[in-house]
Amino acid sequence: MKSTSFPSLRVTPEFRKAAESVLEEGETLSSFLETAVRKQIQFRRTHKEFIARGLAARDEAQRTGVYYTVNEVMDSLREVVESAKRKRV
């Protein structure tokens, strides 16, 4: 696959210096930026999916009239955690 480039990014000297100041050993500014963009892409995809699931759940609750209290949800989540802990031991 042929690679391509992102457009140039104009920043203030202070901003560039701040970015360079957090680079880890052997890390380049380009690799730092690539990692940051990849993480942001994943975050935005995950966030979009989360919102979609929440809206679908809302629509399903409105359609069926079945709603759960906070305590019911929390109890269910506690059971999941406890079950996972028992399986680990």
N, C-alpha and C. Protein backbone atom coordinates (compact mmCIF):
# COMPACT_ATOMS: atom_id res chain seq x y z
N MET A 1 0.85 -1.17 0.00
CA MET A 1 0.00 0.00 0.00
C MET A 1 0.89 1.23 0.00
N LYS A 2 0.55 2.17 -0.82
CA LYS A 2 1.30 3.41 -0.93
C LYS A 2 0.95 4.32 0.25
N SER A 3 1.94 4.94 0.84
CA SER A 3 1.67 5.84 1.97
C SER A 3 1.45 7.25 1.47
N THR A 4 0.87 8.04 2.33
CA THR A 4 0.60 9.44 2.04
C THR A 4 0.94 10.27 3.27
N SER A 5 0.79 11.56 3.20
CA SER A 5 1.14 12.45 4.31
C SER A 5 -0.07 13.23 4.77
N PHE A 6 0.00 13.67 6.02
CA PHE A 6 -0.96 14.63 6.52
C PHE A 6 -0.52 16.01 6.05
N PRO A 7 -1.45 16.95 6.03
CA PRO A 7 -1.05 18.32 5.69
C PRO A 7 -0.09 18.87 6.76
N SER A 8 0.70 19.83 6.37
CA SER A 8 1.60 20.47 7.32
C SER A 8 0.79 21.09 8.45
N LEU A 9 1.39 21.08 9.61
CA LEU A 9 0.72 21.63 10.79
C LEU A 9 1.53 22.80 11.31
N ARG A 10 0.98 23.99 11.19
CA ARG A 10 1.67 25.19 11.66
C ARG A 10 1.33 25.38 13.13
N VAL A 11 2.37 25.51 13.97
CA VAL A 11 2.18 25.72 15.40
C VAL A 11 3.14 26.78 15.89
N THR A 12 2.86 27.29 17.05
CA THR A 12 3.78 28.27 17.64
C THR A 12 5.04 27.55 18.11
N PRO A 13 6.13 28.27 18.18
CA PRO A 13 7.36 27.65 18.69
C PRO A 13 7.18 27.07 20.11
N GLU A 14 6.39 27.72 20.92
CA GLU A 14 6.15 27.24 22.29
C GLU A 14 5.42 25.90 22.28
N PHE A 15 4.44 25.76 21.38
CA PHE A 15 3.68 24.52 21.31
C PHE A 15 4.58 23.38 20.84
N ARG A 16 5.42 23.65 19.85
CA ARG A 16 6.35 22.62 19.37
C ARG A 16 7.31 22.21 20.48
N LYS A 17 7.81 23.20 21.20
CA LYS A 17 8.74 22.91 22.29
C LYS A 17 8.06 22.06 23.37
N ALA A 18 6.80 22.37 23.66
CA ALA A 18 6.05 21.59 24.65
C ALA A 18 5.90 20.14 24.20
N ALA A 19 5.62 19.94 22.92
CA ALA A 19 5.48 18.58 22.39
C ALA A 19 6.82 17.86 22.45
N GLU A 20 7.86 18.52 22.07
CA GLU A 20 9.19 17.90 22.09
C GLU A 20 9.64 17.58 23.51
N SER A 21 9.17 18.35 24.47
CA SER A 21 9.59 18.14 25.86
C SER A 21 9.03 16.86 26.47
N VAL A 22 8.00 16.29 25.87
CA VAL A 22 7.40 15.07 26.43
C VAL A 22 7.74 13.82 25.62
N LEU A 23 8.57 13.95 24.61
CA LEU A 23 8.96 12.79 23.82
C LEU A 23 9.73 11.81 24.68
N GLU A 24 9.46 10.53 24.47
CA GLU A 24 10.19 9.49 25.18
C GLU A 24 11.47 9.16 24.42
N GLU A 25 12.36 8.45 25.07
CA GLU A 25 13.64 8.12 24.45
C GLU A 25 13.42 7.38 23.12
N GLY A 26 14.05 7.86 22.07
CA GLY A 26 13.96 7.25 20.76
C GLY A 26 12.71 7.63 19.97
N GLU A 27 11.83 8.38 20.58
CA GLU A 27 10.58 8.78 19.92
C GLU A 27 10.81 10.05 19.12
N THR A 28 10.25 10.08 17.92
CA THR A 28 10.34 11.28 17.09
C THR A 28 9.05 12.08 17.22
N LEU A 29 9.14 13.33 16.84
CA LEU A 29 7.95 14.16 16.86
C LEU A 29 6.90 13.59 15.89
N SER A 30 7.35 13.09 14.75
CA SER A 30 6.41 12.49 13.79
C SER A 30 5.70 11.27 14.37
N SER A 31 6.44 10.40 15.05
CA SER A 31 5.80 9.20 15.62
C SER A 31 4.86 9.59 16.76
N PHE A 32 5.23 10.62 17.52
CA PHE A 32 4.36 11.12 18.58
C PHE A 32 3.04 11.62 18.01
N LEU A 33 3.13 12.40 16.94
CA LEU A 33 1.92 12.93 16.31
C LEU A 33 1.07 11.81 15.70
N GLU A 34 1.72 10.84 15.07
CA GLU A 34 0.97 9.72 14.50
C GLU A 34 0.22 8.96 15.59
N THR A 35 0.90 8.70 16.70
CA THR A 35 0.25 8.00 17.81
C THR A 35 -0.93 8.80 18.35
N ALA A 36 -0.75 10.10 18.49
CA ALA A 36 -1.82 10.95 19.00
C ALA A 36 -3.03 10.92 18.07
N VAL A 37 -2.80 10.98 16.78
CA VAL A 37 -3.90 10.94 15.81
C VAL A 37 -4.60 9.59 15.85
N ARG A 38 -3.81 8.50 15.90
CA ARG A 38 -4.42 7.16 15.98
C ARG A 38 -5.30 7.01 17.22
N LYS A 39 -4.80 7.48 18.36
CA LYS A 39 -5.58 7.39 19.60
C LYS A 39 -6.85 8.22 19.52
N GLN A 40 -6.79 9.39 18.92
CA GLN A 40 -7.96 10.24 18.79
C GLN A 40 -8.99 9.61 17.84
N ILE A 41 -8.52 8.98 16.78
CA ILE A 41 -9.43 8.28 15.86
C ILE A 41 -10.16 7.18 16.61
N GLN A 42 -9.42 6.37 17.38
CA GLN A 42 -10.04 5.28 18.14
C GLN A 42 -11.01 5.82 19.18
N PHE A 43 -10.62 6.88 19.87
CA PHE A 43 -11.50 7.48 20.87
C PHE A 43 -12.80 7.95 20.24
N ARG A 44 -12.70 8.63 19.13
CA ARG A 44 -13.91 9.16 18.49
C ARG A 44 -14.81 8.05 17.97
N ARG A 45 -14.22 6.99 17.43
CA ARG A 45 -15.04 5.84 16.99
C ARG A 45 -15.75 5.21 18.18
N THR A 46 -15.01 5.00 19.26
CA THR A 46 -15.58 4.39 20.46
C THR A 46 -16.68 5.27 21.04
N HIS A 47 -16.43 6.56 21.07
CA HIS A 47 -17.41 7.51 21.60
C HIS A 47 -18.69 7.49 20.75
N LYS A 48 -18.52 7.48 19.45
CA LYS A 48 -19.67 7.46 18.55
C LYS A 48 -20.50 6.18 18.75
N GLU A 49 -19.81 5.04 18.90
CA GLU A 49 -20.50 3.76 19.14
C GLU A 49 -21.21 3.78 20.48
N PHE A 50 -20.58 4.36 21.51
CA PHE A 50 -21.18 4.46 22.84
C PHE A 50 -22.48 5.27 22.77
N ILE A 51 -22.43 6.40 22.09
CA ILE A 51 -23.63 7.24 21.95
C ILE A 51 -24.72 6.48 21.20
N ALA A 52 -24.34 5.78 20.14
CA ALA A 52 -25.32 5.02 19.35
C ALA A 52 -25.99 3.94 20.21
N ARG A 53 -25.19 3.24 21.04
CA ARG A 53 -25.77 2.21 21.92
C ARG A 53 -26.72 2.84 22.93
N GLY A 54 -26.33 3.99 23.47
CA GLY A 54 -27.19 4.67 24.44
C GLY A 54 -28.51 5.11 23.82
N LEU A 55 -28.44 5.65 22.62
CA LEU A 55 -29.67 6.07 21.93
C LEU A 55 -30.55 4.88 21.57
N ALA A 56 -29.91 3.78 21.16
CA ALA A 56 -30.69 2.57 20.85
C ALA A 56 -31.36 2.02 22.10
N ALA A 57 -30.66 2.05 23.22
CA ALA A 57 -31.24 1.58 24.49
C ALA A 57 -32.41 2.48 24.90
N ARG A 58 -32.25 3.77 24.72
CA ARG A 58 -33.34 4.69 25.03
C ARG A 58 -34.56 4.39 24.17
N ASP A 59 -34.32 4.21 22.88
CA ASP A 59 -35.42 3.93 21.96
C ASP A 59 -36.11 2.62 22.31
N GLU A 60 -35.32 1.61 22.69
CA GLU A 60 -35.89 0.31 23.07
C GLU A 60 -36.72 0.44 24.35
N ALA A 61 -36.24 1.21 25.30
CA ALA A 61 -36.99 1.42 26.53
C ALA A 61 -38.30 2.15 26.25
N GLN A 62 -38.25 3.14 25.39
CA GLN A 62 -39.47 3.86 25.03
C GLN A 62 -40.44 2.95 24.29
N ARG A 63 -39.90 2.09 23.42
CA ARG A 63 -40.75 1.18 22.65
C ARG A 63 -41.43 0.14 23.53
N THR A 64 -40.67 -0.43 24.48
CA THR A 64 -41.18 -1.52 25.30
C THR A 64 -41.79 -1.05 26.61
N GLY A 65 -41.40 0.14 27.06
CA GLY A 65 -41.86 0.61 28.36
C GLY A 65 -41.10 -0.02 29.52
N VAL A 66 -40.04 -0.78 29.22
CA VAL A 66 -39.24 -1.42 30.26
C VAL A 66 -38.05 -0.52 30.60
N TYR A 67 -38.04 -0.08 31.85
CA TYR A 67 -36.95 0.77 32.35
C TYR A 67 -36.36 0.11 33.59
N TYR A 68 -35.11 0.44 33.90
CA TYR A 68 -34.44 -0.11 35.06
C TYR A 68 -33.98 1.04 35.95
N THR A 69 -34.08 0.81 37.27
CA THR A 69 -33.62 1.83 38.21
C THR A 69 -32.09 1.78 38.29
N VAL A 70 -31.54 2.82 38.85
CA VAL A 70 -30.09 2.87 39.06
C VAL A 70 -29.66 1.70 39.93
N ASN A 71 -30.42 1.42 40.99
CA ASN A 71 -30.07 0.33 41.89
C ASN A 71 -30.09 -1.03 41.18
N GLU A 72 -31.04 -1.26 40.30
CA GLU A 72 -31.09 -2.51 39.54
C GLU A 72 -29.86 -2.65 38.65
N VAL A 73 -29.50 -1.58 37.98
CA VAL A 73 -28.33 -1.61 37.10
C VAL A 73 -27.06 -1.84 37.91
N MET A 74 -26.91 -1.12 39.01
CA MET A 74 -25.71 -1.27 39.83
C MET A 74 -25.62 -2.67 40.42
N ASP A 75 -26.73 -3.23 40.87
CA ASP A 75 -26.72 -4.60 41.40
C ASP A 75 -26.29 -5.58 40.32
N SER A 76 -26.78 -5.39 39.11
CA SER A 76 -26.40 -6.26 38.00
C SER A 76 -24.91 -6.16 37.70
N LEU A 77 -24.39 -4.94 37.72
CA LEU A 77 -22.96 -4.74 37.46
C LEU A 77 -22.12 -5.35 38.58
N ARG A 78 -22.56 -5.25 39.82
CA ARG A 78 -21.84 -5.86 40.94
C ARG A 78 -21.78 -7.38 40.77
N GLU A 79 -22.88 -7.96 40.33
CA GLU A 79 -22.92 -9.41 40.09
C GLU A 79 -21.91 -9.82 39.02
N VAL A 80 -21.81 -9.02 37.97
CA VAL A 80 -20.84 -9.31 36.90
C VAL A 80 -19.42 -9.27 37.45
N VAL A 81 -19.12 -8.26 38.26
CA VAL A 81 -17.78 -8.12 38.83
C VAL A 81 -17.49 -9.29 39.78
N GLU A 82 -18.43 -9.61 40.64
CA GLU A 82 -18.23 -10.71 41.59
C GLU A 82 -18.04 -12.03 40.87
N SER A 83 -18.80 -12.26 39.82
CA SER A 83 -18.66 -13.48 39.04
C SER A 83 -17.28 -13.57 38.40
N ALA A 84 -16.81 -12.46 37.87
CA ALA A 84 -15.48 -12.42 37.26
C ALA A 84 -14.40 -12.68 38.30
N LYS A 85 -14.56 -12.12 39.49
CA LYS A 85 -13.59 -12.35 40.56
C LYS A 85 -13.55 -13.82 40.97
N ARG A 86 -14.71 -14.46 41.07
CA ARG A 86 -14.75 -15.88 41.44
C ARG A 86 -14.08 -16.76 40.39
N LYS A 87 -14.23 -16.40 39.14
CA LYS A 87 -13.62 -17.18 38.05
C LYS A 87 -12.11 -17.04 38.04
N ARG A 88 -11.60 -15.91 38.50
CA ARG A 88 -10.14 -15.68 38.51
C ARG A 88 -9.45 -16.48 39.61
N VAL A 89 -10.15 -16.75 40.68
CA VAL A 89 -9.53 -17.42 41.83
C VAL A 89 -9.44 -18.90 41.65
